[in-house]
Amino acid sequence: MDALGQILVVVYTQYNNEIRLISTRLQPSFPLGVAAI
């Protein structure tokens, strides 16, 4: 389960980073709202 947990953490962090990049490019005034979704 540790290996699976690490994989989920990596995927989650990469997904969060991509959402932050997209939110800052499309809606710089609402980054938190897009990241919360």
PDB file of N, CA and C in Angstrom:
ATOM      1  N   MET A   1       0.836  -1.207   0.000  1.00  0.00           N
ATOM      2  CA  MET A   1       0.000   0.000   0.000  1.00  0.00           C
ATOM      3  C   MET A   1       0.874   1.262   0.000  1.00  0.00           C
ATOM      4  N   ASP A   2       2.114   1.137   0.501  1.00  0.00           N
ATOM      5  CA  ASP A   2       2.983   2.315   0.513  1.00  0.00           C
ATOM      6  C   ASP A   2       3.315   2.772  -0.900  1.00  0.00           C
ATOM      7  N   ALA A   3       3.603   1.818  -1.789  1.00  0.00           N
ATOM      8  CA  ALA A   3       3.928   2.179  -3.165  1.00  0.00           C
ATOM      9  C   ALA A   3       2.729   2.840  -3.836  1.00  0.00           C
ATOM     10  N   LEU A   4       1.551   2.285  -3.609  1.00  0.00           N
ATOM     11  CA  LEU A   4       0.346   2.867  -4.210  1.00  0.00           C
ATOM     12  C   LEU A   4       0.104   4.261  -3.648  1.00  0.00           C
ATOM     13  N   GLY A   5       0.323   4.427  -2.358  1.00  0.00           N
ATOM     14  CA  GLY A   5       0.134   5.749  -1.745  1.00  0.00           C
ATOM     15  C   GLY A   5       1.084   6.778  -2.336  1.00  0.00           C
ATOM     16  N   GLN A   6       2.336   6.380  -2.540  1.00  0.00           N
ATOM     17  CA  GLN A   6       3.312   7.314  -3.117  1.00  0.00           C
ATOM     18  C   GLN A   6       2.916   7.701  -4.534  1.00  0.00           C
ATOM     19  N   ILE A   7       2.427   6.725  -5.301  1.00  0.00           N
ATOM     20  CA  ILE A   7       2.008   7.020  -6.681  1.00  0.00           C
ATOM     21  C   ILE A   7       0.836   8.005  -6.672  1.00  0.00           C
ATOM     22  N   LEU A   8      -0.115   7.790  -5.766  1.00  0.00           N
ATOM     23  CA  LEU A   8      -1.259   8.698  -5.696  1.00  0.00           C
ATOM     24  C   LEU A   8      -0.805  10.099  -5.318  1.00  0.00           C
ATOM     25  N   VAL A   9       0.152  10.193  -4.408  1.00  0.00           N
ATOM     26  CA  VAL A   9       0.648  11.515  -3.996  1.00  0.00           C
ATOM     27  C   VAL A   9       1.325  12.223  -5.169  1.00  0.00           C
ATOM     28  N   VAL A  10       2.121  11.482  -5.930  1.00  0.00           N
ATOM     29  CA  VAL A  10       2.815  12.085  -7.083  1.00  0.00           C
ATOM     30  C   VAL A  10       1.799  12.566  -8.117  1.00  0.00           C
ATOM     31  N   VAL A  11       0.813  11.720  -8.413  1.00  0.00           N
ATOM     32  CA  VAL A  11      -0.205  12.110  -9.402  1.00  0.00           C
ATOM     33  C   VAL A  11      -0.988  13.320  -8.906  1.00  0.00           C
ATOM     34  N   TYR A  12      -1.314  13.334  -7.615  1.00  0.00           N
ATOM     35  CA  TYR A  12      -2.088  14.447  -7.057  1.00  0.00           C
ATOM     36  C   TYR A  12      -1.288  15.742  -7.114  1.00  0.00           C
ATOM     37  N   THR A  13       0.002  15.670  -6.785  1.00  0.00           N
ATOM     38  CA  THR A  13       0.821  16.886  -6.801  1.00  0.00           C
ATOM     39  C   THR A  13       0.982  17.408  -8.229  1.00  0.00           C
ATOM     40  N   GLN A  14       1.204  16.517  -9.198  1.00  0.00           N
ATOM     41  CA  GLN A  14       1.333  16.951 -10.592  1.00  0.00           C
ATOM     42  C   GLN A  14       0.021  17.559 -11.076  1.00  0.00           C
ATOM     43  N   TYR A  15      -1.124  16.944 -10.683  1.00  0.00           N
ATOM     44  CA  TYR A  15      -2.428  17.461 -11.083  1.00  0.00           C
ATOM     45  C   TYR A  15      -2.648  18.849 -10.498  1.00  0.00           C
ATOM     46  N   ASN A  16      -2.254  19.033  -9.241  1.00  0.00           N
ATOM     47  CA  ASN A  16      -2.397  20.340  -8.599  1.00  0.00           C
ATOM     48  C   ASN A  16      -1.526  21.376  -9.290  1.00  0.00           C
ATOM     49  N   ASN A  17      -0.296  21.014  -9.629  1.00  0.00           N
ATOM     50  CA  ASN A  17       0.607  21.957 -10.283  1.00  0.00           C
ATOM     51  C   ASN A  17       0.055  22.389 -11.637  1.00  0.00           C
ATOM     52  N   GLU A  18      -0.510  21.444 -12.387  1.00  0.00           N
ATOM     53  CA  GLU A  18      -1.066  21.791 -13.697  1.00  0.00           C
ATOM     54  C   GLU A  18      -2.257  22.716 -13.538  1.00  0.00           C
ATOM     55  N   ILE A  19      -3.104  22.450 -12.545  1.00  0.00           N
ATOM     56  CA  ILE A  19      -4.265  23.319 -12.312  1.00  0.00           C
ATOM     57  C   ILE A  19      -3.803  24.720 -11.938  1.00  0.00           C
ATOM     58  N   ARG A  20      -2.747  24.807 -11.137  1.00  0.00           N
ATOM     59  CA  ARG A  20      -2.248  26.132 -10.747  1.00  0.00           C
ATOM     60  C   ARG A  20      -1.723  26.885 -11.962  1.00  0.00           C
ATOM     61  N   LEU A  21      -0.990  26.189 -12.836  1.00  0.00           N
ATOM     62  CA  LEU A  21      -0.452  26.845 -14.029  1.00  0.00           C
ATOM     63  C   LEU A  21      -1.585  27.322 -14.933  1.00  0.00           C
ATOM     64  N   ILE A  22      -2.591  26.463 -15.129  1.00  0.00           N
ATOM     65  CA  ILE A  22      -3.705  26.837 -15.997  1.00  0.00           C
ATOM     66  C   ILE A  22      -4.492  27.996 -15.381  1.00  0.00           C
ATOM     67  N   SER A  23      -4.696  27.943 -14.070  1.00  0.00           N
ATOM     68  CA  SER A  23      -5.476  28.994 -13.413  1.00  0.00           C
ATOM     69  C   SER A  23      -4.743  30.326 -13.489  1.00  0.00           C
ATOM     70  N   THR A  24      -3.414  30.294 -13.347  1.00  0.00           N
ATOM     71  CA  THR A  24      -2.669  31.552 -13.393  1.00  0.00           C
ATOM     72  C   THR A  24      -2.641  32.108 -14.819  1.00  0.00           C
ATOM     73  N   ARG A  25      -2.713  31.234 -15.812  1.00  0.00           N
ATOM     74  CA  ARG A  25      -2.703  31.714 -17.205  1.00  0.00           C
ATOM     75  C   ARG A  25      -4.077  32.244 -17.624  1.00  0.00           C
ATOM     76  N   LEU A  26      -5.144  31.501 -17.281  1.00  0.00           N
ATOM     77  CA  LEU A  26      -6.473  31.897 -17.735  1.00  0.00           C
ATOM     78  C   LEU A  26      -7.114  32.921 -16.810  1.00  0.00           C
ATOM     79  N   GLN A  27      -7.055  32.662 -15.500  1.00  0.00           N
ATOM     80  CA  GLN A  27      -7.713  33.563 -14.551  1.00  0.00           C
ATOM     81  C   GLN A  27      -6.740  33.952 -13.438  1.00  0.00           C
ATOM     82  N   PRO A  28      -5.873  34.930 -13.670  1.00  0.00           N
ATOM     83  CA  PRO A  28      -4.905  35.329 -12.652  1.00  0.00           C
ATOM     84  C   PRO A  28      -5.568  35.945 -11.436  1.00  0.00           C
ATOM     85  N   SER A  29      -6.783  36.450 -11.578  1.00  0.00           N
ATOM     86  CA  SER A  29      -7.456  37.079 -10.442  1.00  0.00           C
ATOM     87  C   SER A  29      -8.221  36.058  -9.602  1.00  0.00           C
ATOM     88  N   PHE A  30      -8.415  34.836 -10.123  1.00  0.00           N
ATOM     89  CA  PHE A  30      -9.142  33.815  -9.371  1.00  0.00           C
ATOM     90  C   PHE A  30      -8.383  32.482  -9.358  1.00  0.00           C
ATOM     91  N   PRO A  31      -7.135  32.467  -8.885  1.00  0.00           N
ATOM     92  CA  PRO A  31      -6.385  31.198  -8.865  1.00  0.00           C
ATOM     93  C   PRO A  31      -6.912  30.245  -7.812  1.00  0.00           C
ATOM     94  N   LEU A  32      -7.370  30.773  -6.676  1.00  0.00           N
ATOM     95  CA  LEU A  32      -7.843  29.903  -5.594  1.00  0.00           C
ATOM     96  C   LEU A  32      -9.140  29.213  -6.000  1.00  0.00           C
ATOM     97  N   GLY A  33     -10.008  29.903  -6.677  1.00  0.00           N
ATOM     98  CA  GLY A  33     -11.282  29.314  -7.080  1.00  0.00           C
ATOM     99  C   GLY A  33     -11.088  28.149  -8.039  1.00  0.00           C
ATOM    100  N   VAL A  34     -10.154  28.291  -8.970  1.00  0.00           N
ATOM    101  CA  VAL A  34      -9.911  27.213  -9.925  1.00  0.00           C
ATOM    102  C   VAL A  34      -9.180  26.060  -9.256  1.00  0.00           C
ATOM    103  N   ALA A  35      -8.259  26.378  -8.344  1.00  0.00           N
ATOM    104  CA  ALA A  35      -7.489  25.331  -7.677  1.00  0.00           C
ATOM    105  C   ALA A  35      -8.374  24.532  -6.726  1.00  0.00           C
ATOM    106  N   ALA A  36      -9.445  25.158  -6.233  1.00  0.00           N
ATOM    107  CA  ALA A  36     -10.314  24.466  -5.281  1.00  0.00           C
ATOM    108  C   ALA A  36     -11.137  23.384  -5.971  1.00  0.00           C
ATOM    109  N   ILE A  37     -11.356  23.541  -7.267  1.00  0.00           N
ATOM    110  CA  ILE A  37     -12.201  22.567  -7.979  1.00  0.00           C
ATOM    111  C   ILE A  37     -11.503  21.221  -8.108  1.00  0.00           C
TER     112      ILE A  37
END
